[in-house]
């Protein structure tokens, strides 16, 4: 599982709110065409989200949270092929928020699909979005 860290010059609560909002995903995840909320927890956080990157790359992820520690984890819904698993952790630091992002690709993912979900690119895209706010 590849891990990437970045400093985001925004408060941890704002980073958490944007990262856990499935509507926001298409504004910062490169190549993501659509994201649909399939199910939410009682607190409103997504429990399952379906992603469409291309006609032949559609999958659903299930999410769990440790809201007190600002950790979100995701894994493929059972039986999903070509998905990813990972986590994000947001921690308050002097200059804003330190984001740790980790991602593991399913073995059957094609090289082009792996390039879309490169953790370095994803973290840079999220940080850019937050800095533009």
C-alpha atoms as a PDB file:
ATOM      1  CA  UNK A   1       0.000   0.000   0.000  1.00  0.00           C
ATOM      2  CA  UNK A   2       1.549   3.278  -1.108  1.00  0.00           C
ATOM      3  CA  UNK A   3       1.352   6.161   1.402  1.00  0.00           C
ATOM      4  CA  UNK A   4       1.670   9.861   0.621  1.00  0.00           C
ATOM      5  CA  UNK A   5       1.711  12.811   3.016  1.00  0.00           C
ATOM      6  CA  UNK A   6       0.990  16.457   2.287  1.00  0.00           C
ATOM      7  CA  UNK A   7       0.456  19.682   4.160  1.00  0.00           C
ATOM      8  CA  UNK A   8      -2.881  21.331   3.382  1.00  0.00           C
ATOM      9  CA  UNK A   9      -3.110  24.936   4.562  1.00  0.00           C
ATOM     10  CA  UNK A  10      -6.717  24.608   5.706  1.00  0.00           C
ATOM     11  CA  UNK A  11      -8.325  23.547   9.005  1.00  0.00           C
ATOM     12  CA  UNK A  12      -8.714  19.815   9.635  1.00  0.00           C
ATOM     13  CA  UNK A  13     -12.520  20.035   9.880  1.00  0.00           C
ATOM     14  CA  UNK A  14     -12.757  21.666   6.460  1.00  0.00           C
ATOM     15  CA  UNK A  15     -10.480  19.033   4.903  1.00  0.00           C
ATOM     16  CA  UNK A  16     -12.518  16.268   6.541  1.00  0.00           C
ATOM     17  CA  UNK A  17     -15.830  17.741   5.373  1.00  0.00           C
ATOM     18  CA  UNK A  18     -14.695  18.101   1.751  1.00  0.00           C
ATOM     19  CA  UNK A  19     -12.950  14.713   1.571  1.00  0.00           C
ATOM     20  CA  UNK A  20     -15.968  12.813   2.949  1.00  0.00           C
ATOM     21  CA  UNK A  21     -18.491  14.565   0.660  1.00  0.00           C
ATOM     22  CA  UNK A  22     -19.113  12.352  -2.395  1.00  0.00           C
ATOM     23  CA  UNK A  23     -20.461  15.339  -4.356  1.00  0.00           C
ATOM     24  CA  UNK A  24     -17.038  17.015  -4.048  1.00  0.00           C
ATOM     25  CA  UNK A  25     -15.140  14.004  -5.421  1.00  0.00           C
ATOM     26  CA  UNK A  26     -15.629  14.926  -9.078  1.00  0.00           C
ATOM     27  CA  UNK A  27     -14.121  18.368  -8.399  1.00  0.00           C
ATOM     28  CA  UNK A  28     -10.732  16.974  -7.433  1.00  0.00           C
ATOM     29  CA  UNK A  29     -10.310  13.293  -8.390  1.00  0.00           C
ATOM     30  CA  UNK A  30      -8.666  13.259 -11.845  1.00  0.00           C
ATOM     31  CA  UNK A  31     -10.562  11.188 -14.398  1.00  0.00           C
ATOM     32  CA  UNK A  32     -13.637  10.699 -12.199  1.00  0.00           C
ATOM     33  CA  UNK A  33     -16.733  11.198 -14.347  1.00  0.00           C
ATOM     34  CA  UNK A  34     -19.377  10.572 -11.683  1.00  0.00           C
ATOM     35  CA  UNK A  35     -19.839   9.509  -8.051  1.00  0.00           C
ATOM     36  CA  UNK A  36     -23.159   8.372  -6.626  1.00  0.00           C
ATOM     37  CA  UNK A  37     -24.032   8.006  -2.976  1.00  0.00           C
ATOM     38  CA  UNK A  38     -25.492   4.509  -2.621  1.00  0.00           C
ATOM     39  CA  UNK A  39     -25.949   4.481   1.171  1.00  0.00           C
ATOM     40  CA  UNK A  40     -25.173   6.779   4.096  1.00  0.00           C
ATOM     41  CA  UNK A  41     -24.658   6.227   7.820  1.00  0.00           C
ATOM     42  CA  UNK A  42     -26.997   7.775  10.386  1.00  0.00           C
ATOM     43  CA  UNK A  43     -24.509  10.653  10.801  1.00  0.00           C
ATOM     44  CA  UNK A  44     -24.707  11.423   7.073  1.00  0.00           C
ATOM     45  CA  UNK A  45     -21.257  10.110   6.162  1.00  0.00           C
ATOM     46  CA  UNK A  46     -21.225   7.896   3.070  1.00  0.00           C
ATOM     47  CA  UNK A  47     -21.304   4.164   3.715  1.00  0.00           C
ATOM     48  CA  UNK A  48     -21.137   3.185   0.028  1.00  0.00           C
ATOM     49  CA  UNK A  49     -20.301   5.208  -3.079  1.00  0.00           C
ATOM     50  CA  UNK A  50     -20.285   4.098  -6.717  1.00  0.00           C
ATOM     51  CA  UNK A  51     -17.600   5.539  -9.009  1.00  0.00           C
ATOM     52  CA  UNK A  52     -17.461   5.870 -12.788  1.00  0.00           C
ATOM     53  CA  UNK A  53     -14.115   6.662 -14.374  1.00  0.00           C
ATOM     54  CA  UNK A  54     -14.942   5.266 -17.815  1.00  0.00           C
ATOM     55  CA  UNK A  55     -17.624   3.001 -19.239  1.00  0.00           C
ATOM     56  CA  UNK A  56     -15.475  -0.011 -18.428  1.00  0.00           C
ATOM     57  CA  UNK A  57     -14.305   1.192 -14.994  1.00  0.00           C
ATOM     58  CA  UNK A  58     -17.245   1.396 -12.595  1.00  0.00           C
ATOM     59  CA  UNK A  59     -17.058   0.113  -9.030  1.00  0.00           C
ATOM     60  CA  UNK A  60     -18.419   0.686  -5.530  1.00  0.00           C
ATOM     61  CA  UNK A  61     -16.492   1.265  -2.329  1.00  0.00           C
ATOM     62  CA  UNK A  62     -17.631   0.851   1.259  1.00  0.00           C
ATOM     63  CA  UNK A  63     -16.451   3.343   3.865  1.00  0.00           C
ATOM     64  CA  UNK A  64     -15.798   3.249   7.611  1.00  0.00           C
ATOM     65  CA  UNK A  65     -14.796   6.157   9.822  1.00  0.00           C
ATOM     66  CA  UNK A  66     -13.069   7.150  13.001  1.00  0.00           C
ATOM     67  CA  UNK A  67     -14.434  10.696  13.110  1.00  0.00           C
ATOM     68  CA  UNK A  68     -12.670  11.570  16.371  1.00  0.00           C
ATOM     69  CA  UNK A  69      -9.283  10.766  14.762  1.00  0.00           C
ATOM     70  CA  UNK A  70     -10.322  12.013  11.285  1.00  0.00           C
ATOM     71  CA  UNK A  71      -9.636   8.677   9.606  1.00  0.00           C
ATOM     72  CA  UNK A  72     -11.667   7.303   6.714  1.00  0.00           C
ATOM     73  CA  UNK A  73     -11.082   3.820   5.280  1.00  0.00           C
ATOM     74  CA  UNK A  74     -12.476   2.319   2.098  1.00  0.00           C
ATOM     75  CA  UNK A  75     -12.582  -1.094   0.506  1.00  0.00           C
ATOM     76  CA  UNK A  76     -14.379  -2.657  -2.443  1.00  0.00           C
ATOM     77  CA  UNK A  77     -17.863  -3.963  -2.040  1.00  0.00           C
ATOM     78  CA  UNK A  78     -17.746  -7.760  -1.998  1.00  0.00           C
ATOM     79  CA  UNK A  79     -17.413  -9.124  -5.504  1.00  0.00           C
ATOM     80  CA  UNK A  80     -16.177  -5.839  -7.036  1.00  0.00           C
ATOM     81  CA  UNK A  81     -13.379  -6.195  -9.559  1.00  0.00           C
ATOM     82  CA  UNK A  82     -10.834  -3.521 -10.381  1.00  0.00           C
ATOM     83  CA  UNK A  83     -11.421  -1.430  -7.270  1.00  0.00           C
ATOM     84  CA  UNK A  84      -9.049   0.066  -4.711  1.00  0.00           C
ATOM     85  CA  UNK A  85      -8.685   0.020  -0.928  1.00  0.00           C
ATOM     86  CA  UNK A  86      -7.039   2.514   1.350  1.00  0.00           C
ATOM     87  CA  UNK A  87      -7.376   5.209   3.959  1.00  0.00           C
ATOM     88  CA  UNK A  88      -6.961   8.919   4.585  1.00  0.00           C
ATOM     89  CA  UNK A  89      -6.001  10.529   7.874  1.00  0.00           C
ATOM     90  CA  UNK A  90      -6.220  14.243   8.639  1.00  0.00           C
ATOM     91  CA  UNK A  91      -4.262  15.683  11.550  1.00  0.00           C
ATOM     92  CA  UNK A  92      -4.023  19.258  12.811  1.00  0.00           C
ATOM     93  CA  UNK A  93      -0.529  20.754  12.551  1.00  0.00           C
ATOM     94  CA  UNK A  94       0.781  24.313  13.026  1.00  0.00           C
ATOM     95  CA  UNK A  95       0.296  25.330   9.380  1.00  0.00           C
ATOM     96  CA  UNK A  96      -3.048  23.614   8.787  1.00  0.00           C
ATOM     97  CA  UNK A  97      -3.647  19.913   8.234  1.00  0.00           C
ATOM     98  CA  UNK A  98      -1.325  17.027   7.510  1.00  0.00           C
ATOM     99  CA  UNK A  99      -3.033  14.599   5.176  1.00  0.00           C
ATOM    100  CA  UNK A 100      -1.845  10.993   4.962  1.00  0.00           C
ATOM    101  CA  UNK A 101      -3.330   9.064   2.061  1.00  0.00           C
ATOM    102  CA  UNK A 102      -2.752   5.382   1.337  1.00  0.00           C
ATOM    103  CA  UNK A 103      -3.965   3.348  -1.614  1.00  0.00           C
ATOM    104  CA  UNK A 104      -3.732  -0.236  -2.810  1.00  0.00           C
ATOM    105  CA  UNK A 105      -4.903  -1.294  -6.272  1.00  0.00           C
ATOM    106  CA  UNK A 106      -6.682  -4.539  -7.037  1.00  0.00           C
ATOM    107  CA  UNK A 107      -4.288  -6.895  -8.881  1.00  0.00           C
ATOM    108  CA  UNK A 108      -6.419  -6.920 -12.034  1.00  0.00           C
ATOM    109  CA  UNK A 109      -6.266  -3.123 -12.548  1.00  0.00           C
ATOM    110  CA  UNK A 110      -4.777  -2.050 -15.850  1.00  0.00           C
ATOM    111  CA  UNK A 111      -1.757   0.274 -15.950  1.00  0.00           C
ATOM    112  CA  UNK A 112      -3.898   3.191 -17.187  1.00  0.00           C
ATOM    113  CA  UNK A 113      -6.340   2.654 -14.307  1.00  0.00           C
ATOM    114  CA  UNK A 114      -3.465   2.601 -11.809  1.00  0.00           C
ATOM    115  CA  UNK A 115      -2.181   5.882 -13.243  1.00  0.00           C
ATOM    116  CA  UNK A 116      -5.568   7.544 -12.619  1.00  0.00           C
ATOM    117  CA  UNK A 117      -5.441   6.546  -8.957  1.00  0.00           C
ATOM    118  CA  UNK A 118      -1.805   7.426  -8.314  1.00  0.00           C
ATOM    119  CA  UNK A 119      -1.720   8.577  -4.652  1.00  0.00           C
ATOM    120  CA  UNK A 120       0.747  11.397  -5.408  1.00  0.00           C
ATOM    121  CA  UNK A 121      -1.589  12.820  -8.044  1.00  0.00           C
ATOM    122  CA  UNK A 122      -4.685  12.412  -5.860  1.00  0.00           C
ATOM    123  CA  UNK A 123      -3.120  14.123  -2.835  1.00  0.00           C
ATOM    124  CA  UNK A 124      -1.796  16.981  -4.973  1.00  0.00           C
ATOM    125  CA  UNK A 125      -5.242  17.433  -6.548  1.00  0.00           C
ATOM    126  CA  UNK A 126      -6.961  17.493  -3.142  1.00  0.00           C
ATOM    127  CA  UNK A 127      -4.430  19.973  -1.727  1.00  0.00           C
ATOM    128  CA  UNK A 128      -4.852  22.211  -4.798  1.00  0.00           C
ATOM    129  CA  UNK A 129      -8.647  22.209  -4.385  1.00  0.00           C
ATOM    130  CA  UNK A 130      -8.357  23.105  -0.702  1.00  0.00           C
ATOM    131  CA  UNK A 131      -5.843  25.897  -1.379  1.00  0.00           C
ATOM    132  CA  UNK A 132      -8.188  27.405  -3.977  1.00  0.00           C
ATOM    133  CA  UNK A 133     -11.053  27.645  -1.483  1.00  0.00           C
END
